[in-house]
Amino acid sequence: MTASPNKLLARVSVAHLISHLHIMTVPAMLPLLPDTMQVSFFELGLAIGIFNIVSALVQVPLGFLVDRLGARRMLMAALTLGSASFGLVALLPTYSWLLLAMGLAGLANGVYHPADYSLLSRGMPSGRMGRAFSVHTFAGFFGGALAPPLMVGIALAFDPRWSFAIAALAGLLALGFVASGSALLAPEKTMSADSPRLTGATGRPSSTAMTTLALLTLLFTLLSLSTGAIERFSVSALVQGFDVALPVANLALTCFLFASAFGVLAGGVLADRTERHGDVAAVAFALAAMLVVIVIMMPLPPLVLAMVLGLTGFLTGMVAPSRDMLVRAASPEGAEGRTFGIVSTGFNFGGVIGPVLFGFLLDRGLASGVLWSAVGFMVFTTLIVLYQERRQRMRVGISVG
């Protein structure tokens, strides 16, 4: 017996919510941790970088393990390890233990995308796939959006170590929910003759497949860099460089994160109704870049700042379901775990580069450079997406001709 699509989607989405809550736990407390742990922004950026380095190194092999050992089993192991990691910092709240914990949490994080997308690709009806991806991504964005008010609120009311404890407890609750599903896996699918392939006639990856995977990985990297600048460092940048009060900056980030989540739902509807995913992504990111420029160039009242960053988040969130559909289209049946594992390393590449770069800028008083970096990466994303769209149309034209 297999889980119904709705129950499957609910459990996978809850796991994804926790993964993003864990991703954002340390970034959400960046304004508070330098004093608490007596460290610099650069050192905290290094800790976040370790998280992403580990995830980048393990995500591809873990994708193969997901396909071999089972996605549900791997997902439960990830929730267990991620919860234990933040529980460790709650018990031993020092920078040394934070570095170790972020490495372990990075290992857990490497499981989520391969396992989640493998379960969804095999267990959801094809006609609902775009919306299923959007609900799954919405849950992740919602988990990230919960982090600033939850983590900062608990840290201010009690102590940062209690924030880490809550992150651990949330993971354990999610583990119980996932474990309660006795059959999360749909029947295994075999690769059909018309399935998209990653290999050519020789058994080695075809040049077209390799180029597609490389472009998708680059796209994931740029998405991580552009949105990561805002998600993880905008509060510190606004407070340090734009004289924005911490509660106002935190509110603006919360609006960005929640609006991103709802943008994902809108993007899911678009993903099921159009094949022009590249055009949608390009327009959304170009407009988002313009909005961030407004934040940099114009002093905005608190409410307007929250609205502008909220709209920015909505636009960037719209891209996610189309992004996931592109990856699924490039994946052979039964190999979804490894394909998503490969391209998702782009998130980790961006997660390694971004925190070190942005922490370096903040330590040198170049707070506006954080937001200008976000603009630059958004523009680069727009150009890459337009290039890929043009490349795809040329390929279709040649095929038809």
Protein backbone atom coordinates (compact mmCIF):
# COMPACT_ATOMS: atom_id res chain seq x y z
CA MET A 1 0.00 0.00 0.00
CA THR A 2 1.27 3.47 -0.85
CA ALA A 3 0.52 6.82 0.66
CA SER A 4 -2.16 8.93 -0.98
CA PRO A 5 -0.78 11.89 -2.96
CA ASN A 6 -2.10 14.40 -0.42
CA LYS A 7 -0.59 12.57 2.57
CA LEU A 8 2.68 12.17 0.71
CA LEU A 9 2.77 15.87 -0.17
CA ALA A 10 1.95 16.86 3.44
CA ARG A 11 4.77 14.83 4.96
CA VAL A 12 7.37 15.82 2.38
CA SER A 13 6.36 19.47 2.70
CA VAL A 14 6.69 19.44 6.49
CA ALA A 15 10.19 17.99 6.13
CA HIS A 16 11.03 20.75 3.64
CA LEU A 17 9.67 23.39 6.04
CA ILE A 18 12.05 22.14 8.73
CA SER A 19 14.98 22.08 6.33
CA HIS A 20 14.53 25.78 5.58
CA LEU A 21 13.92 26.62 9.23
CA HIS A 22 17.26 24.97 9.99
CA ILE A 23 18.96 26.73 7.06
CA MET A 24 17.80 30.11 8.40
CA THR A 25 18.36 29.48 12.12
CA VAL A 26 21.87 30.96 12.26
CA PRO A 27 21.34 33.67 9.58
CA ALA A 28 18.21 34.89 11.39
CA MET A 29 20.28 35.55 14.52
CA LEU A 30 23.24 37.20 12.78
CA PRO A 31 22.61 40.60 14.39
CA LEU A 32 22.72 38.98 17.87
CA LEU A 33 25.39 36.28 17.65
CA PRO A 34 28.51 38.50 17.32
CA ASP A 35 27.99 39.79 20.87
CA THR A 36 26.74 36.47 22.23
CA MET A 37 29.60 34.35 20.88
CA GLN A 38 32.21 37.11 20.66
CA VAL A 39 32.80 36.53 16.94
CA SER A 40 32.85 38.66 13.77
CA PHE A 41 30.39 38.60 10.89
CA PHE A 42 33.13 37.01 8.79
CA GLU A 43 33.46 34.15 11.29
CA LEU A 44 29.70 33.62 11.27
CA GLY A 45 29.78 33.73 7.48
CA LEU A 46 32.44 31.03 7.64
CA ALA A 47 30.16 28.89 9.82
CA ILE A 48 27.35 29.27 7.28
CA GLY A 49 29.88 28.54 4.55
CA ILE A 50 30.86 25.26 6.23
CA PHE A 51 27.19 24.24 6.23
CA ASN A 52 27.05 24.79 2.48
CA ILE A 53 30.47 23.28 1.70
CA VAL A 54 29.44 20.04 3.38
CA SER A 55 26.06 20.06 1.61
CA ALA A 56 27.74 20.67 -1.75
CA LEU A 57 30.19 17.80 -1.22
CA VAL A 58 27.61 15.25 -0.11
CA GLN A 59 24.51 16.14 -2.10
CA VAL A 60 25.36 14.16 -5.26
CA PRO A 61 26.42 10.94 -3.48
CA LEU A 62 23.43 11.28 -1.16
CA GLY A 63 21.23 11.58 -4.25
CA PHE A 64 22.53 8.19 -5.39
CA LEU A 65 21.88 6.79 -1.90
CA VAL A 66 18.34 8.14 -2.01
CA ASP A 67 17.72 6.22 -5.24
CA ARG A 68 19.39 3.09 -3.82
CA LEU A 69 18.34 2.98 -0.13
CA GLY A 70 14.97 4.70 -0.28
CA ALA A 71 13.94 8.33 0.04
CA ARG A 72 11.80 7.92 3.18
CA ARG A 73 14.59 6.25 5.14
CA MET A 74 17.09 8.92 4.12
CA LEU A 75 14.64 11.72 4.92
CA MET A 76 14.11 10.44 8.45
CA ALA A 77 17.87 10.16 8.98
CA ALA A 78 18.28 13.78 7.82
CA LEU A 79 15.66 15.07 10.25
CA THR A 80 17.31 13.16 13.09
CA LEU A 81 20.80 14.49 12.33
CA GLY A 82 19.65 18.07 11.72
CA SER A 83 17.78 18.15 15.03
CA ALA A 84 20.75 16.70 16.89
CA SER A 85 23.02 19.35 15.35
CA PHE A 86 21.07 22.30 16.70
CA GLY A 87 20.49 20.52 19.99
CA LEU A 88 24.28 20.33 20.30
CA VAL A 89 24.61 24.13 19.99
CA ALA A 90 21.81 24.60 22.53
CA LEU A 91 23.79 22.52 25.03
CA LEU A 92 27.24 23.92 24.11
CA PRO A 93 26.71 27.46 22.74
CA THR A 94 30.28 28.26 21.69
CA TYR A 95 31.72 29.11 18.29
CA SER A 96 33.75 25.89 18.09
CA TRP A 97 30.70 23.74 18.65
CA LEU A 98 28.73 25.91 16.23
CA LEU A 99 31.25 25.08 13.48
CA LEU A 100 30.89 21.35 14.18
CA ALA A 101 27.11 21.58 14.35
CA MET A 102 26.92 23.47 11.05
CA GLY A 103 28.97 20.75 9.40
CA LEU A 104 26.60 18.07 10.68
CA ALA A 105 23.55 20.14 9.72
CA GLY A 106 25.05 20.56 6.26
CA LEU A 107 25.28 16.78 5.94
CA ALA A 108 21.60 16.50 6.87
CA ASN A 109 20.68 19.28 4.47
CA GLY A 110 22.25 17.37 1.58
CA VAL A 111 19.48 14.78 1.81
CA TYR A 112 16.38 16.95 1.61
CA HIS A 113 16.22 17.99 -2.04
CA PRO A 114 17.11 14.58 -3.53
CA ALA A 115 14.75 12.75 -1.15
CA ASP A 116 11.86 15.20 -1.40
CA TYR A 117 11.88 15.48 -5.17
CA SER A 118 12.32 11.75 -5.59
CA LEU A 119 9.23 11.11 -3.47
CA LEU A 120 7.17 13.75 -5.25
CA SER A 121 8.27 12.75 -8.76
CA ARG A 122 7.32 9.14 -8.11
CA GLY A 123 4.20 9.67 -6.00
CA MET A 124 2.33 12.66 -7.44
CA PRO A 125 0.09 12.60 -10.55
CA SER A 126 1.75 14.27 -13.54
CA GLY A 127 -1.11 16.74 -13.98
CA ARG A 128 -0.56 18.07 -10.46
CA MET A 129 3.22 18.07 -10.51
CA GLY A 130 3.73 21.84 -10.93
CA ARG A 131 1.35 22.65 -8.10
CA ALA A 132 2.84 19.88 -5.94
CA PHE A 133 6.29 21.36 -6.44
CA SER A 134 4.91 24.80 -5.57
CA VAL A 135 3.30 23.57 -2.33
CA HIS A 136 6.52 21.79 -1.38
CA THR A 137 8.59 24.90 -2.11
CA PHE A 138 6.01 27.11 -0.35
CA ALA A 139 6.47 25.01 2.78
CA GLY A 140 10.23 25.49 2.59
CA PHE A 141 9.94 29.23 2.11
CA PHE A 142 7.39 29.38 4.94
CA GLY A 143 9.84 27.59 7.22
CA GLY A 144 12.49 30.14 6.30
CA ALA A 145 10.03 32.96 6.91
CA LEU A 146 9.29 31.64 10.40
CA ALA A 147 12.94 31.78 11.38
CA PRO A 148 13.49 35.55 11.89
CA PRO A 149 10.49 36.22 14.17
CA LEU A 150 10.77 32.86 15.94
CA MET A 151 14.53 32.67 16.43
CA VAL A 152 15.07 36.37 17.19
CA GLY A 153 11.97 36.57 19.37
CA ILE A 154 13.06 33.63 21.52
CA ALA A 155 16.65 34.88 21.66
CA LEU A 156 15.57 38.34 22.83
CA ALA A 157 13.06 36.99 25.35
CA PHE A 158 15.35 34.32 26.78
CA ASP A 159 18.72 33.44 25.26
CA PRO A 160 20.01 32.40 21.80
CA ARG A 161 20.64 28.87 23.05
CA TRP A 162 16.86 28.47 23.47
CA SER A 163 16.43 29.41 19.81
CA PHE A 164 18.71 26.51 18.86
CA ALA A 165 16.74 24.24 21.20
CA ILE A 166 13.45 25.17 19.49
CA ALA A 167 15.01 24.45 16.09
CA ALA A 168 15.98 21.00 17.35
CA LEU A 169 12.54 20.34 18.84
CA ALA A 170 10.79 21.37 15.61
CA GLY A 171 12.91 18.85 13.71
CA LEU A 172 11.99 16.05 16.11
CA LEU A 173 8.28 16.83 15.77
CA ALA A 174 8.62 16.70 11.99
CA LEU A 175 10.47 13.39 12.29
CA GLY A 176 7.52 11.95 14.20
CA PHE A 177 5.10 13.16 11.53
CA VAL A 178 7.15 11.69 8.68
CA ALA A 179 7.63 8.42 10.55
CA SER A 180 3.86 8.13 11.07
CA GLY A 181 3.40 7.59 7.33
CA SER A 182 3.73 3.83 6.95
CA ALA A 183 4.17 3.97 3.17
CA LEU A 184 5.58 7.16 1.75
CA LEU A 185 7.07 5.62 -1.35
CA ALA A 186 5.15 5.12 -4.55
CA PRO A 187 6.01 2.03 -6.61
CA GLU A 188 9.37 2.22 -8.31
CA LYS A 189 9.27 3.29 -11.95
CA THR A 190 11.48 1.90 -14.64
CA MET A 191 13.01 4.06 -17.31
CA SER A 192 10.86 4.01 -20.42
CA ALA A 193 12.12 4.30 -23.96
CA ASP A 194 10.96 7.89 -24.29
CA SER A 195 12.24 9.06 -20.91
CA PRO A 196 14.72 11.95 -20.97
CA ARG A 197 18.22 10.56 -20.59
CA LEU A 198 21.42 11.79 -19.04
CA THR A 199 23.57 9.54 -21.18
CA GLY A 200 24.27 9.14 -24.85
CA ALA A 201 24.62 5.97 -26.93
CA THR A 202 28.05 5.21 -25.41
CA GLY A 203 26.66 5.18 -21.87
CA ARG A 204 28.50 8.37 -21.02
CA PRO A 205 26.64 11.64 -20.33
CA SER A 206 25.62 13.30 -23.60
CA SER A 207 26.96 16.79 -24.31
CA THR A 208 23.43 18.21 -24.42
CA ALA A 209 22.58 16.69 -21.03
CA MET A 210 25.82 17.90 -19.50
CA THR A 211 25.26 21.43 -20.82
CA THR A 212 21.70 21.44 -19.48
CA LEU A 213 22.81 20.22 -16.04
CA ALA A 214 25.63 22.78 -15.97
CA LEU A 215 23.27 25.64 -16.82
CA LEU A 216 20.71 24.49 -14.26
CA THR A 217 23.43 24.22 -11.61
CA LEU A 218 24.63 27.73 -12.48
CA LEU A 219 21.03 28.97 -12.25
CA PHE A 220 20.69 27.44 -8.77
CA THR A 221 23.98 29.07 -7.75
CA LEU A 222 22.86 32.52 -8.89
CA LEU A 223 19.48 32.10 -7.20
CA SER A 224 21.25 31.22 -3.96
CA LEU A 225 23.54 34.25 -4.20
CA SER A 226 20.86 36.77 -5.10
CA THR A 227 18.19 35.71 -2.63
CA GLY A 228 20.73 34.67 0.02
CA ALA A 229 22.07 38.22 0.21
CA ILE A 230 18.61 39.39 1.24
CA GLU A 231 17.51 36.40 3.30
CA ARG A 232 20.63 36.12 5.43
CA PHE A 233 22.35 39.50 5.45
CA SER A 234 19.83 42.22 4.60
CA VAL A 235 18.88 42.84 8.24
CA SER A 236 22.50 43.43 9.26
CA ALA A 237 23.09 45.51 6.11
CA LEU A 238 20.02 47.69 6.67
CA VAL A 239 20.86 48.24 10.34
CA GLN A 240 24.54 48.95 9.73
CA GLY A 241 24.45 50.93 6.51
CA PHE A 242 21.00 52.49 6.20
CA ASP A 243 20.17 53.45 9.80
CA VAL A 244 17.16 51.13 9.86
CA ALA A 245 16.08 49.98 13.32
CA LEU A 246 16.47 46.25 13.99
CA PRO A 247 12.70 45.60 14.44
CA VAL A 248 11.96 47.42 11.17
CA ALA A 249 14.66 45.54 9.25
CA ASN A 250 13.48 42.25 10.72
CA LEU A 251 9.89 43.06 9.71
CA ALA A 252 11.01 43.87 6.16
CA LEU A 253 12.87 40.55 5.93
CA THR A 254 9.86 38.69 7.30
CA CYS A 255 7.69 40.30 4.61
CA PHE A 256 10.21 39.27 1.97
CA LEU A 257 10.21 35.66 3.19
CA PHE A 258 6.45 35.28 3.56
CA ALA A 259 5.81 36.98 0.23
CA SER A 260 8.36 34.64 -1.37
CA ALA A 261 6.33 31.72 -0.10
CA PHE A 262 3.10 33.04 -1.62
CA GLY A 263 4.95 33.92 -4.81
CA VAL A 264 5.83 30.23 -5.06
CA LEU A 265 2.12 29.32 -5.05
CA ALA A 266 1.46 31.79 -7.86
CA GLY A 267 4.43 30.37 -9.71
CA GLY A 268 3.01 26.87 -9.35
CA VAL A 269 -0.15 27.87 -11.21
CA LEU A 270 1.99 29.46 -13.95
CA ALA A 271 4.20 26.37 -14.17
CA ASP A 272 1.19 24.20 -15.02
CA ARG A 273 -0.20 26.70 -17.55
CA THR A 274 2.81 27.84 -19.57
CA GLU A 275 5.95 26.39 -21.09
CA ARG A 276 7.69 29.79 -21.25
CA HIS A 277 9.37 29.32 -17.90
CA GLY A 278 12.48 31.24 -18.93
CA ASP A 279 10.54 34.37 -19.85
CA VAL A 280 8.63 34.29 -16.56
CA ALA A 281 11.86 33.96 -14.57
CA ALA A 282 13.66 36.70 -16.53
CA VAL A 283 10.88 39.28 -16.09
CA ALA A 284 10.48 38.44 -12.39
CA PHE A 285 14.18 38.80 -11.60
CA ALA A 286 14.61 41.97 -13.65
CA LEU A 287 11.77 43.62 -11.72
CA ALA A 288 13.16 42.33 -8.41
CA ALA A 289 16.55 43.87 -9.19
CA MET A 290 14.89 47.23 -9.87
CA LEU A 291 13.11 47.08 -6.52
CA VAL A 292 16.34 46.38 -4.62
CA VAL A 293 17.94 49.37 -6.37
CA ILE A 294 15.08 51.50 -5.02
CA VAL A 295 15.82 50.24 -1.48
CA ILE A 296 19.48 51.20 -1.92
CA MET A 297 18.97 54.59 -3.51
CA MET A 298 15.96 55.96 -1.63
CA PRO A 299 15.33 56.28 2.12
CA LEU A 300 12.01 54.53 2.62
CA PRO A 301 9.53 54.75 5.51
CA PRO A 302 9.26 51.47 7.45
CA LEU A 303 5.95 50.41 5.90
CA VAL A 304 7.11 51.19 2.37
CA LEU A 305 10.39 49.33 2.94
CA ALA A 306 8.45 46.27 4.09
CA MET A 307 6.15 46.50 1.06
CA VAL A 308 9.02 46.88 -1.43
CA LEU A 309 10.96 43.93 0.00
CA GLY A 310 7.73 41.95 0.18
CA LEU A 311 7.10 42.51 -3.53
CA THR A 312 10.72 41.60 -4.23
CA GLY A 313 10.22 38.32 -2.40
CA PHE A 314 6.98 37.59 -4.27
CA LEU A 315 8.73 38.02 -7.62
CA THR A 316 11.72 35.84 -6.71
CA GLY A 317 9.41 33.17 -5.28
CA MET A 318 7.45 32.90 -8.53
CA VAL A 319 10.48 31.39 -10.24
CA ALA A 320 10.84 28.30 -8.02
CA PRO A 321 8.18 25.92 -9.46
CA SER A 322 9.28 26.55 -13.05
CA ARG A 323 12.86 25.91 -11.95
CA ASP A 324 11.84 22.58 -10.45
CA MET A 325 9.85 21.59 -13.55
CA LEU A 326 12.93 22.23 -15.69
CA VAL A 327 14.99 19.91 -13.51
CA ARG A 328 12.34 17.19 -13.52
CA ALA A 329 12.19 17.36 -17.31
CA ALA A 330 15.95 16.75 -17.42
CA SER A 331 15.74 13.71 -15.12
CA PRO A 332 15.24 10.09 -16.21
CA GLU A 333 12.53 8.22 -14.33
CA GLY A 334 14.00 6.51 -11.31
CA ALA A 335 16.98 8.88 -11.25
CA GLU A 336 15.25 11.94 -9.84
CA GLY A 337 17.28 11.81 -6.63
CA ARG A 338 20.67 12.02 -8.32
CA THR A 339 19.55 14.66 -10.86
CA PHE A 340 18.15 16.98 -8.20
CA GLY A 341 21.20 16.19 -6.11
CA ILE A 342 23.50 17.39 -8.90
CA VAL A 343 21.76 20.67 -9.71
CA SER A 344 20.95 21.46 -6.07
CA THR A 345 24.67 21.69 -5.38
CA GLY A 346 24.31 25.11 -7.01
CA PHE A 347 22.49 26.26 -3.88
CA ASN A 348 25.46 25.13 -1.85
CA PHE A 349 28.03 26.76 -4.12
CA GLY A 350 26.17 30.02 -3.66
CA GLY A 351 25.84 29.30 0.03
CA VAL A 352 29.62 28.96 0.34
CA ILE A 353 30.53 32.06 -1.66
CA GLY A 354 27.75 34.35 -0.45
CA PRO A 355 28.17 34.31 3.35
CA VAL A 356 31.93 34.82 3.16
CA LEU A 357 31.53 37.65 0.62
CA PHE A 358 28.69 39.37 2.45
CA GLY A 359 30.30 38.93 5.88
CA PHE A 360 33.51 40.44 4.49
CA LEU A 361 31.59 43.45 3.18
CA LEU A 362 29.80 44.01 6.50
CA ASP A 363 33.00 43.77 8.54
CA ARG A 364 34.48 46.55 6.39
CA GLY A 365 31.49 48.83 6.69
CA LEU A 366 30.34 48.24 3.10
CA ALA A 367 26.76 47.40 3.96
CA SER A 368 25.35 48.77 0.71
CA GLY A 369 27.64 46.35 -1.13
CA VAL A 370 25.52 43.48 0.17
CA LEU A 371 22.42 44.82 -1.56
CA TRP A 372 24.32 45.86 -4.69
CA SER A 373 25.64 42.30 -4.86
CA ALA A 374 22.07 41.02 -4.78
CA VAL A 375 21.22 43.32 -7.69
CA GLY A 376 24.20 42.13 -9.69
CA PHE A 377 23.39 38.47 -9.18
CA MET A 378 19.74 39.08 -10.13
CA VAL A 379 20.82 40.74 -13.37
CA PHE A 380 23.20 37.86 -14.10
CA THR A 381 20.35 35.41 -13.40
CA THR A 382 18.14 37.26 -15.87
CA LEU A 383 20.80 37.05 -18.58
CA ILE A 384 21.43 33.33 -18.00
CA VAL A 385 17.72 32.54 -18.11
CA LEU A 386 17.26 34.51 -21.33
CA TYR A 387 20.24 32.69 -22.86
CA GLN A 388 18.83 29.31 -21.89
CA GLU A 389 15.40 30.26 -23.27
CA ARG A 390 16.96 31.31 -26.58
CA ARG A 391 19.04 28.15 -26.67
CA GLN A 392 15.96 26.00 -26.06
CA ARG A 393 13.97 27.75 -28.82
CA MET A 394 16.82 27.30 -31.28
CA ARG A 395 16.99 23.59 -30.45
CA VAL A 396 13.23 23.21 -30.93
CA GLY A 397 13.43 25.14 -34.22
CA ILE A 398 16.22 22.90 -35.49
CA SER A 399 14.27 19.81 -34.44
CA VAL A 400 11.11 20.99 -36.20
CA GLY A 401 13.02 22.08 -39.28
